Amino acid sequence: MPLRRRSLAALVLLSGLALAAALFVRPGKAEPDETMLRYSLELLAANAEVRLAALEAIRQSGRKDAIPALIQARRYLQGLHEVDAVLRELTGDSERDSWHEWMLWQEAHPEVVPYEGFDIFKSAVFQRIDPNFGLFLQPGVTHEIRLEEIVWGGVVKDGIPALTNPALLEASEADYLTEDELVFGVTINGDARAYPLRIMDWHEMFNDVIGGVPVSLAYCTLCGSGILFETTVAGRDTPFVFGSSGFLYRSNKLMYDQETHSLWNQFTGRPVVGPLTGSGIELKTRPVAITSWQAWREANPETKVLSLETGHRRDYSPGAPYGSYFASPELMFPALVRQEALQAKDYVFALRSSGTDKAWPLTRFDGGKVINDQAGILDLVLVGDAATRTVRAYRRDGRTFERGASVAELKAEDGTWQVTEEALVGPGGERLARLPGHIAYWFAWAGYLGEDGELAER
């Protein structure tokens, strides 16, 4: 059973919480609303009479700024249906009857702003789950995403442990892999590495140095996206090292850096909560491919591959942690989904950091396809195969390519070009650079980049 599915019954409900707002320092913030904060904390008290009295006080207040606290409490009060009744009265929405549905309502209503001091309540709730969550969320914390939409993903801090400088094997030593298994393949400066999905499903992140470049693969299993980021940032002496916070935002993991404990959006590579918020930092993306172990090894015979000796005890058989989620059309956590063009968990290939964000439905590559296209003013060619979720993008600079005699070749008017991990190499040694991109579920791309990006025709 996935770590994220740990029963919420294991959560010890808040009890005996005294209101001590004066102890909280919230620089630059207005004074907390002590009355509403007290009611919010009492919603999760051990005594049922206290909970119901607090709920009735909130109902009688008629204050919409208490809605986020009610939704937060609703998750841990599965048997207290009176919360739904009060939420219906305050929101005017008579249809919803679950935490999941109320979270969707909240995402759709950004005009509903929590009362002053909600950050104190949010921090107190999460620190009862794991005291280490206080490293990420404190009263007065700087943020550019809505705190009310940050949810617990079912694990504690580092409950999904990142792999940092993990042990690697020669390709010939990786006898645990079968030929058709999928791997994340990365090549930088001629250094080829394979990170099998059966291992990364459990760890969701690695910090490594490939070809002399410090990088992190931030893999959100819920989003179906593994994004390779450079972790060296101008003006900083050391590379960032990332881990999994245990928090989600719109069904996307919030990773954190070990230096400042800022929370980062996995999809955008930007800090969104904590000390680095507003710094302007945005991690540079690098190309990464999902492909079969056989195809990767044949194209990169000198590759290294992740060892099963990770230092953690896990069932690394294929599909063990998230097989049922990957096979289902449903999301595990609430997020609004635009489904006019595609279904929530349809795969797309997302072009990143190339001036224009653009996505192509993976079905465009059924049977193996070469697609000549544009993203903004950029000419590019995409080489892909939907069967293995493999897509690579390259500049084409006005050329038109078609399939060659093998998967390692493309043909153009000026001759045969070799397909490599880092570039297309022409007959005279010319090079057309590979462009950064990755696979993702449609809901994640549409939710984070869809407003500014472009979707290719199906």
Protein backbone atom coordinates (compact mmCIF):
# COMPACT_ATOMS: atom_id res chain seq x y z
CA MET A 1 0.00 0.00 0.00
CA PRO A 2 1.45 3.43 -0.91
CA LEU A 3 2.87 5.53 1.86
CA ARG A 4 0.38 8.27 0.98
CA ARG A 5 -2.55 5.98 1.85
CA ARG A 6 -1.69 5.73 5.54
CA SER A 7 -4.94 5.94 7.41
CA LEU A 8 -5.88 9.34 8.73
CA ALA A 9 -7.19 7.43 11.74
CA ALA A 10 -3.57 7.25 12.87
CA LEU A 11 -3.56 11.02 13.25
CA VAL A 12 -3.94 12.08 16.87
CA LEU A 13 -6.59 14.82 16.88
CA LEU A 14 -5.67 18.12 18.44
CA SER A 15 -6.54 18.33 22.09
CA GLY A 16 -5.94 20.73 24.91
CA LEU A 17 -4.67 23.51 22.61
CA ALA A 18 -4.50 26.76 24.55
CA LEU A 19 -4.77 29.99 22.62
CA ALA A 20 -1.44 31.79 22.97
CA ALA A 21 -1.38 34.09 19.97
CA ALA A 22 0.87 36.55 21.75
CA LEU A 23 3.68 34.02 21.58
CA PHE A 24 3.67 34.04 17.80
CA VAL A 25 5.80 36.56 15.97
CA ARG A 26 4.34 37.51 12.58
CA PRO A 27 6.57 40.27 11.18
CA GLY A 28 4.67 42.72 9.02
CA LYS A 29 1.35 41.01 9.69
CA ALA A 30 -1.79 42.38 11.27
CA GLU A 31 -2.75 41.18 14.71
CA PRO A 32 -4.37 37.73 14.63
CA ASP A 33 -8.11 37.45 15.09
CA GLU A 34 -7.95 35.76 18.48
CA THR A 35 -11.63 34.88 18.60
CA MET A 36 -11.74 33.13 15.23
CA LEU A 37 -8.39 31.49 15.90
CA ARG A 38 -9.71 30.08 19.18
CA TYR A 39 -12.83 28.71 17.48
CA SER A 40 -10.69 27.11 14.75
CA LEU A 41 -8.44 25.36 17.25
CA GLU A 42 -11.44 24.18 19.22
CA LEU A 43 -12.87 22.53 16.10
CA LEU A 44 -10.24 19.85 16.61
CA ALA A 45 -10.48 19.54 20.37
CA ALA A 46 -10.86 16.11 21.95
CA ASN A 47 -14.12 17.07 23.64
CA ALA A 48 -17.11 16.75 21.30
CA GLU A 49 -19.09 19.46 23.09
CA VAL A 50 -16.23 21.92 22.62
CA ARG A 51 -16.06 21.08 18.90
CA LEU A 52 -19.80 21.55 18.38
CA ALA A 53 -19.85 24.80 20.36
CA ALA A 54 -17.01 26.21 18.23
CA LEU A 55 -18.79 25.13 15.06
CA GLU A 56 -22.01 26.82 16.15
CA ALA A 57 -20.13 30.01 17.04
CA ILE A 58 -18.60 30.11 13.55
CA ARG A 59 -22.03 29.50 11.98
CA GLN A 60 -23.61 32.31 13.94
CA SER A 61 -20.78 34.69 13.00
CA GLY A 62 -21.64 34.24 9.31
CA ARG A 63 -18.01 34.97 8.45
CA LYS A 64 -16.80 33.65 5.13
CA ASP A 65 -13.17 34.12 6.18
CA ALA A 66 -13.65 31.10 8.49
CA ILE A 67 -14.39 28.81 5.52
CA PRO A 68 -10.72 27.78 4.99
CA ALA A 69 -10.42 26.73 8.65
CA LEU A 70 -13.63 24.70 8.39
CA ILE A 71 -12.35 22.95 5.28
CA GLN A 72 -9.03 22.26 6.99
CA ALA A 73 -10.84 20.76 10.00
CA ARG A 74 -13.27 18.83 7.77
CA ARG A 75 -10.53 16.46 6.67
CA TYR A 76 -9.96 15.21 10.21
CA LEU A 77 -13.61 15.23 11.29
CA GLN A 78 -14.94 12.54 8.99
CA GLY A 79 -17.88 11.76 11.27
CA LEU A 80 -18.88 15.35 12.05
CA HIS A 81 -21.34 16.05 9.25
CA GLU A 82 -22.42 19.27 10.94
CA VAL A 83 -19.30 20.83 9.36
CA ASP A 84 -20.79 20.24 5.91
CA ALA A 85 -24.00 21.96 6.97
CA VAL A 86 -22.16 25.05 8.16
CA LEU A 87 -20.01 25.12 5.03
CA ARG A 88 -23.13 24.95 2.87
CA GLU A 89 -24.65 27.85 4.78
CA LEU A 90 -21.53 30.03 4.54
CA THR A 91 -20.72 29.23 0.91
CA GLY A 92 -24.22 28.98 -0.52
CA ASP A 93 -23.21 25.69 -2.17
CA SER A 94 -25.66 22.92 -1.28
CA GLU A 95 -24.08 20.09 -3.29
CA ARG A 96 -20.83 19.25 -1.54
CA ASP A 97 -20.41 16.72 1.24
CA SER A 98 -16.72 15.73 1.51
CA TRP A 99 -13.35 17.28 2.21
CA HIS A 100 -12.29 16.55 -1.37
CA GLU A 101 -15.27 18.44 -2.79
CA TRP A 102 -14.80 21.39 -0.45
CA MET A 103 -11.14 21.64 -1.44
CA LEU A 104 -12.23 21.94 -5.08
CA TRP A 105 -14.69 24.66 -4.08
CA GLN A 106 -11.90 26.51 -2.26
CA GLU A 107 -9.56 26.36 -5.28
CA ALA A 108 -12.33 27.83 -7.43
CA HIS A 109 -12.93 30.73 -5.00
CA PRO A 110 -9.67 32.61 -4.46
CA GLU A 111 -11.70 35.65 -3.40
CA VAL A 112 -12.38 33.91 -0.05
CA VAL A 113 -9.41 34.99 2.06
CA PRO A 114 -8.79 33.47 5.52
CA TYR A 115 -9.00 35.53 8.70
CA GLU A 116 -5.82 37.05 10.14
CA GLY A 117 -4.06 34.33 12.10
CA PHE A 118 -5.08 31.42 9.88
CA ASP A 119 -1.35 30.78 9.41
CA ILE A 120 -1.09 30.10 13.15
CA PHE A 121 -3.92 27.57 12.93
CA LYS A 122 -2.44 25.91 9.84
CA SER A 123 0.97 25.63 11.46
CA ALA A 124 -0.49 24.20 14.68
CA VAL A 125 -2.50 21.56 12.83
CA PHE A 126 0.44 20.32 10.78
CA GLN A 127 2.91 20.32 13.68
CA ARG A 128 0.60 17.92 15.50
CA ILE A 129 1.07 15.52 12.58
CA ASP A 130 4.86 16.00 12.47
CA PRO A 131 6.76 18.59 14.55
CA ASN A 132 9.22 18.90 11.65
CA PHE A 133 6.48 20.51 9.57
CA GLY A 134 7.21 23.61 11.62
CA LEU A 135 10.37 24.02 9.55
CA PHE A 136 8.17 24.79 6.55
CA LEU A 137 5.09 26.50 7.93
CA GLN A 138 5.39 29.02 10.74
CA PRO A 139 3.17 31.92 11.75
CA GLY A 140 3.96 34.80 9.41
CA VAL A 141 5.69 32.64 6.80
CA THR A 142 6.17 34.31 3.41
CA HIS A 143 4.22 32.62 0.61
CA GLU A 144 3.06 33.15 -2.96
CA ILE A 145 0.58 30.26 -3.05
CA ARG A 146 -2.53 30.03 -0.90
CA LEU A 147 -1.73 28.46 2.46
CA GLU A 148 -5.27 27.10 2.63
CA GLU A 149 -4.57 24.94 -0.42
CA ILE A 150 -1.50 23.25 1.06
CA VAL A 151 -2.51 19.75 2.15
CA TRP A 152 -0.87 16.88 3.93
CA GLY A 153 0.18 14.12 1.53
CA GLY A 154 -0.02 11.31 4.10
CA VAL A 155 3.67 11.11 5.02
CA VAL A 156 5.97 12.96 7.41
CA LYS A 157 8.90 15.12 6.33
CA ASP A 158 11.24 12.90 4.26
CA GLY A 159 8.77 10.04 4.64
CA ILE A 160 9.42 9.62 0.93
CA PRO A 161 13.24 9.72 1.18
CA ALA A 162 15.27 11.34 -1.58
CA LEU A 163 18.33 9.51 -2.91
CA THR A 164 21.46 11.65 -2.67
CA ASN A 165 24.55 10.52 -4.60
CA PRO A 166 23.06 7.02 -4.81
CA ALA A 167 25.05 3.86 -5.58
CA LEU A 168 25.27 2.99 -9.28
CA LEU A 169 26.01 -0.18 -11.23
CA GLU A 170 27.47 -0.97 -14.61
CA ALA A 171 24.78 -1.89 -17.11
CA SER A 172 25.95 -5.51 -17.15
CA GLU A 173 25.45 -5.74 -13.38
CA ALA A 174 21.81 -4.61 -13.37
CA ASP A 175 20.36 -8.12 -13.56
CA TYR A 176 17.27 -7.03 -11.61
CA LEU A 177 15.93 -5.12 -14.63
CA THR A 178 13.94 -6.60 -17.50
CA GLU A 179 14.28 -5.24 -21.02
CA ASP A 180 10.86 -3.60 -21.19
CA GLU A 181 11.04 -1.80 -17.82
CA LEU A 182 10.96 1.97 -17.92
CA VAL A 183 13.81 4.16 -16.76
CA PHE A 184 14.55 7.85 -16.55
CA GLY A 185 17.52 8.33 -18.88
CA VAL A 186 19.87 11.28 -18.50
CA THR A 187 23.07 12.15 -20.34
CA ILE A 188 25.15 15.23 -19.54
CA ASN A 189 28.58 15.82 -21.08
CA GLY A 190 28.71 12.22 -22.21
CA ASP A 191 27.88 10.80 -18.77
CA ALA A 192 24.86 8.51 -19.19
CA ARG A 193 22.70 7.39 -16.24
CA ALA A 194 19.53 5.32 -15.89
CA TYR A 195 17.18 5.64 -12.92
CA PRO A 196 14.48 2.92 -13.04
CA LEU A 197 10.93 4.04 -12.32
CA ARG A 198 10.41 1.00 -10.07
CA ILE A 199 12.91 2.56 -7.64
CA MET A 200 12.08 6.22 -8.21
CA ASP A 201 8.38 5.53 -7.52
CA TRP A 202 9.43 5.05 -3.88
CA HIS A 203 11.86 7.96 -3.62
CA GLU A 204 10.52 10.60 -6.03
CA MET A 205 13.77 12.54 -6.03
CA PHE A 206 17.47 12.12 -6.51
CA ASN A 207 20.30 14.58 -5.96
CA ASP A 208 23.33 13.66 -8.04
CA VAL A 209 26.19 15.01 -10.13
CA ILE A 210 26.04 13.94 -13.78
CA GLY A 211 28.77 14.94 -16.20
CA GLY A 212 30.06 17.37 -13.59
CA VAL A 213 26.69 19.13 -13.29
CA PRO A 214 24.77 19.00 -9.96
CA VAL A 215 21.16 18.07 -10.72
CA SER A 216 17.98 16.88 -9.04
CA LEU A 217 15.25 14.80 -10.59
CA ALA A 218 12.00 15.96 -9.00
CA TYR A 219 9.51 13.19 -9.67
CA CYS A 220 5.89 13.77 -8.72
CA THR A 221 4.22 10.38 -8.99
CA LEU A 222 0.83 12.03 -8.58
CA CYS A 223 1.55 14.22 -11.64
CA GLY A 224 3.32 11.55 -13.69
CA SER A 225 6.18 14.00 -14.16
CA GLY A 226 9.91 13.60 -13.57
CA ILE A 227 11.64 16.95 -14.15
CA LEU A 228 15.42 17.31 -14.19
CA PHE A 229 16.67 20.55 -12.64
CA GLU A 230 20.11 22.06 -12.40
CA THR A 231 20.67 22.84 -8.74
CA THR A 232 23.44 25.41 -9.06
CA VAL A 233 22.05 28.95 -9.02
CA ALA A 234 23.95 32.16 -9.79
CA GLY A 235 24.94 34.02 -6.66
CA ARG A 236 24.86 30.96 -4.40
CA ASP A 237 28.03 29.14 -3.33
CA THR A 238 26.66 25.59 -3.14
CA PRO A 239 24.06 23.62 -5.11
CA PHE A 240 20.65 23.07 -3.61
CA VAL A 241 19.87 19.62 -2.22
CA PHE A 242 16.18 18.74 -2.26
CA GLY A 243 13.85 16.46 -0.36
CA SER A 244 10.12 15.71 -0.13
CA SER A 245 8.29 17.84 2.41
CA GLY A 246 5.21 15.65 2.86
CA PHE A 247 2.98 18.47 1.54
CA LEU A 248 1.02 18.84 -1.69
CA TYR A 249 -0.48 21.76 -3.56
CA ARG A 250 -3.21 20.96 -6.08
CA SER A 251 -2.06 17.32 -6.18
CA ASN A 252 1.53 18.35 -6.90
CA LYS A 253 4.36 17.66 -4.51
CA LEU A 254 6.03 20.49 -2.65
CA MET A 255 9.71 19.71 -2.42
CA TYR A 256 12.04 21.60 -0.09
CA ASP A 257 15.67 22.63 -0.06
CA GLN A 258 17.76 21.48 2.88
CA GLU A 259 19.51 24.83 3.31
CA THR A 260 16.55 27.18 3.91
CA HIS A 261 13.62 24.76 4.22
CA SER A 262 11.70 26.77 1.66
CA LEU A 263 8.94 24.86 -0.13
CA TRP A 264 9.26 24.66 -3.92
CA ASN A 265 6.70 23.91 -6.60
CA GLN A 266 7.93 20.69 -8.23
CA PHE A 267 6.47 21.62 -11.61
CA THR A 268 7.82 25.15 -11.94
CA GLY A 269 11.11 24.85 -10.02
CA ARG A 270 10.30 27.97 -7.99
CA PRO A 271 10.26 28.53 -4.21
CA VAL A 272 6.71 29.34 -3.15
CA VAL A 273 6.71 29.24 0.68
CA GLY A 274 9.46 30.28 3.07
CA PRO A 275 12.63 32.39 3.05
CA LEU A 276 13.33 32.13 -0.70
CA THR A 277 9.83 33.19 -1.76
CA GLY A 278 10.07 36.24 -4.00
CA SER A 279 13.79 35.72 -4.62
CA GLY A 280 13.27 35.33 -8.36
CA ILE A 281 15.02 31.95 -8.35
CA GLU A 282 13.76 29.51 -10.96
CA LEU A 283 15.72 26.32 -11.53
CA LYS A 284 16.91 25.58 -15.06
CA THR A 285 15.46 22.42 -16.57
CA ARG A 286 17.53 19.79 -18.39
CA PRO A 287 16.41 17.13 -20.88
CA VAL A 288 15.29 13.78 -19.46
CA ALA A 289 13.72 10.84 -21.25
CA ILE A 290 11.53 7.99 -20.11
CA THR A 291 12.33 4.92 -22.17
CA SER A 292 12.74 1.16 -21.87
CA TRP A 293 15.85 -0.25 -20.26
CA GLN A 294 16.62 -2.16 -23.46
CA ALA A 295 16.41 0.94 -25.67
CA TRP A 296 18.45 3.03 -23.24
CA ARG A 297 21.18 0.42 -22.83
CA GLU A 298 21.48 -0.18 -26.59
CA ALA A 299 21.81 3.54 -27.28
CA ASN A 300 24.08 4.14 -24.26
CA PRO A 301 26.16 0.98 -23.67
CA GLU A 302 28.41 2.78 -21.17
CA THR A 303 25.50 3.86 -19.00
CA LYS A 304 25.47 3.53 -15.24
CA VAL A 305 22.23 2.45 -13.58
CA LEU A 306 20.79 2.89 -10.12
CA SER A 307 21.51 0.06 -7.69
CA LEU A 308 18.83 -1.64 -5.61
CA GLU A 309 21.09 -1.01 -2.62
CA THR A 310 19.59 2.36 -1.77
CA GLY A 311 19.99 2.21 1.99
CA HIS A 312 16.21 1.86 2.38
CA ARG A 313 13.97 -1.18 2.78
CA ARG A 314 11.31 -1.06 0.09
CA ASP A 315 9.47 -3.45 -2.21
CA TYR A 316 11.17 -2.42 -5.46
CA SER A 317 9.13 -4.72 -7.66
CA PRO A 318 7.58 -2.85 -10.62
CA GLY A 319 4.42 -0.93 -9.78
CA ALA A 320 4.51 -1.80 -6.08
CA PRO A 321 3.69 1.61 -4.56
CA TYR A 322 1.47 3.32 -7.16
CA GLY A 323 0.40 0.69 -9.67
CA SER A 324 -3.29 1.13 -8.88
CA TYR A 325 -3.06 4.93 -9.06
CA PHE A 326 -1.28 4.86 -12.42
CA ALA A 327 -3.97 2.51 -13.76
CA SER A 328 -6.87 4.67 -12.53
CA PRO A 329 -8.31 7.75 -14.29
CA GLU A 330 -8.92 9.38 -10.90
CA LEU A 331 -6.70 11.75 -8.93
CA MET A 332 -5.76 10.84 -5.37
CA PHE A 333 -5.88 14.42 -4.07
CA PRO A 334 -8.12 17.34 -5.01
CA ALA A 335 -7.24 19.59 -7.96
CA LEU A 336 -9.45 21.35 -10.47
CA VAL A 337 -8.93 19.92 -13.93
CA ARG A 338 -9.58 21.44 -17.32
CA GLN A 339 -10.79 18.50 -19.40
CA GLU A 340 -12.08 20.19 -22.55
CA ALA A 341 -9.02 19.08 -24.52
CA LEU A 342 -7.75 16.02 -22.65
CA GLN A 343 -8.63 13.89 -19.65
CA ALA A 344 -6.92 14.58 -16.33
CA LYS A 345 -4.39 11.75 -16.51
CA ASP A 346 -3.73 11.70 -20.24
CA TYR A 347 0.01 11.95 -20.80
CA VAL A 348 1.59 14.89 -22.59
CA PHE A 349 5.14 15.79 -23.51
CA ALA A 350 5.93 19.21 -22.07
CA LEU A 351 8.56 21.45 -23.68
CA ARG A 352 10.21 23.58 -20.99
CA SER A 353 12.59 26.57 -20.68
CA SER A 354 12.66 27.23 -24.42
CA GLY A 355 10.91 30.58 -24.55
CA THR A 356 7.51 28.98 -25.02
CA ASP A 357 5.94 26.24 -22.93
CA LYS A 358 4.07 23.85 -25.17
CA ALA A 359 2.62 20.37 -24.74
CA TRP A 360 1.89 17.54 -27.17
CA PRO A 361 -0.51 14.69 -26.35
CA LEU A 362 1.50 11.50 -26.05
CA THR A 363 -0.96 9.81 -28.38
CA ARG A 364 0.55 11.89 -31.21
CA PHE A 365 3.51 9.50 -30.98
CA ASP A 366 1.59 6.24 -31.26
CA GLY A 367 3.59 3.73 -33.25
CA GLY A 368 6.72 5.92 -33.20
CA LYS A 369 6.57 9.33 -34.83
CA VAL A 370 8.74 12.21 -36.01
CA ILE A 371 6.90 15.54 -35.74
CA ASN A 372 8.19 18.80 -37.21
CA ASP A 373 6.59 21.70 -35.37
CA GLN A 374 7.04 25.12 -33.82
CA ALA A 375 6.81 26.54 -30.30
CA GLY A 376 6.48 30.28 -30.67
CA ILE A 377 9.24 31.25 -33.12
CA LEU A 378 11.29 28.13 -32.32
CA ASP A 379 11.53 25.43 -34.98
CA LEU A 380 11.78 22.01 -33.41
CA VAL A 381 11.47 18.33 -34.19
CA LEU A 382 10.10 15.76 -31.79
CA VAL A 383 11.05 12.09 -31.92
CA GLY A 384 8.85 9.82 -29.86
CA ASP A 385 7.17 6.51 -29.14
CA ALA A 386 4.04 6.46 -26.97
CA ALA A 387 4.55 2.79 -26.06
CA THR A 388 7.50 3.66 -23.81
CA ARG A 389 6.46 7.26 -23.03
CA THR A 390 9.56 8.39 -24.90
CA VAL A 391 9.79 11.84 -26.48
CA ARG A 392 12.88 13.89 -27.25
CA ALA A 393 12.84 17.39 -28.71
CA TYR A 394 15.58 19.08 -30.77
CA ARG A 395 16.05 22.32 -32.64
CA ARG A 396 15.62 21.92 -36.40
CA ASP A 397 16.45 25.42 -37.66
CA GLY A 398 14.16 25.28 -40.68
CA ARG A 399 14.93 21.70 -41.73
CA THR A 400 12.24 19.08 -42.16
CA PHE A 401 13.06 15.67 -40.76
CA GLU A 402 11.59 12.23 -41.27
CA ARG A 403 12.34 8.78 -39.91
CA GLY A 404 15.58 7.20 -40.95
CA ALA A 405 16.62 3.59 -41.39
CA SER A 406 16.70 3.06 -37.61
CA VAL A 407 15.48 4.79 -34.46
CA ALA A 408 18.95 6.33 -34.13
CA GLU A 409 18.67 8.21 -37.45
CA LEU A 410 16.66 11.01 -39.03
CA LYS A 411 16.66 12.01 -42.68
CA ALA A 412 16.65 15.57 -44.01
CA GLU A 413 17.35 17.11 -47.42
CA ASP A 414 21.03 17.51 -46.54
CA GLY A 415 21.48 13.85 -45.52
CA THR A 416 21.25 11.54 -42.54
CA TRP A 417 21.37 12.87 -38.98
CA GLN A 418 22.26 10.85 -35.90
CA VAL A 419 19.92 11.01 -32.90
CA THR A 420 21.93 11.32 -29.68
CA GLU A 421 20.92 12.23 -26.15
CA GLU A 422 22.43 15.69 -26.34
CA ALA A 423 21.99 16.74 -29.98
CA LEU A 424 21.14 15.78 -33.54
CA VAL A 425 24.45 15.35 -35.37
CA GLY A 426 24.48 16.09 -39.09
CA PRO A 427 26.45 14.50 -41.92
CA GLY A 428 29.10 17.20 -41.68
CA GLY A 429 29.25 17.23 -37.89
CA GLU A 430 26.67 20.00 -37.49
CA ARG A 431 24.78 19.87 -34.19
CA LEU A 432 21.22 20.79 -33.35
CA ALA A 433 20.79 21.00 -29.59
CA ARG A 434 18.32 18.94 -27.64
CA LEU A 435 15.65 20.93 -25.83
CA PRO A 436 14.52 20.36 -22.23
CA GLY A 437 11.22 18.62 -21.70
CA HIS A 438 9.48 15.81 -19.85
CA ILE A 439 6.34 13.68 -19.66
CA ALA A 440 3.46 14.73 -17.37
CA TYR A 441 -0.22 14.17 -16.77
CA TRP A 442 -2.41 16.72 -18.51
CA PHE A 443 -3.92 18.05 -15.28
CA ALA A 444 -0.50 19.07 -13.96
CA TRP A 445 0.61 20.83 -17.14
CA ALA A 446 -2.75 22.54 -17.60
CA GLY A 447 -2.88 23.56 -13.96
CA TYR A 448 0.59 25.09 -13.79
CA LEU A 449 1.48 26.11 -17.33
CA GLY A 450 -1.73 25.92 -19.30
CA GLU A 451 -2.61 29.60 -19.05
CA ASP A 452 0.75 30.67 -20.47
CA GLY A 453 1.54 27.64 -22.56
CA GLU A 454 0.19 26.10 -25.72
CA LEU A 455 -1.30 22.70 -26.51
CA ALA A 456 -0.54 21.14 -29.88
CA GLU A 457 -3.47 19.74 -31.81
CA ARG A 458 -4.34 16.16 -31.01
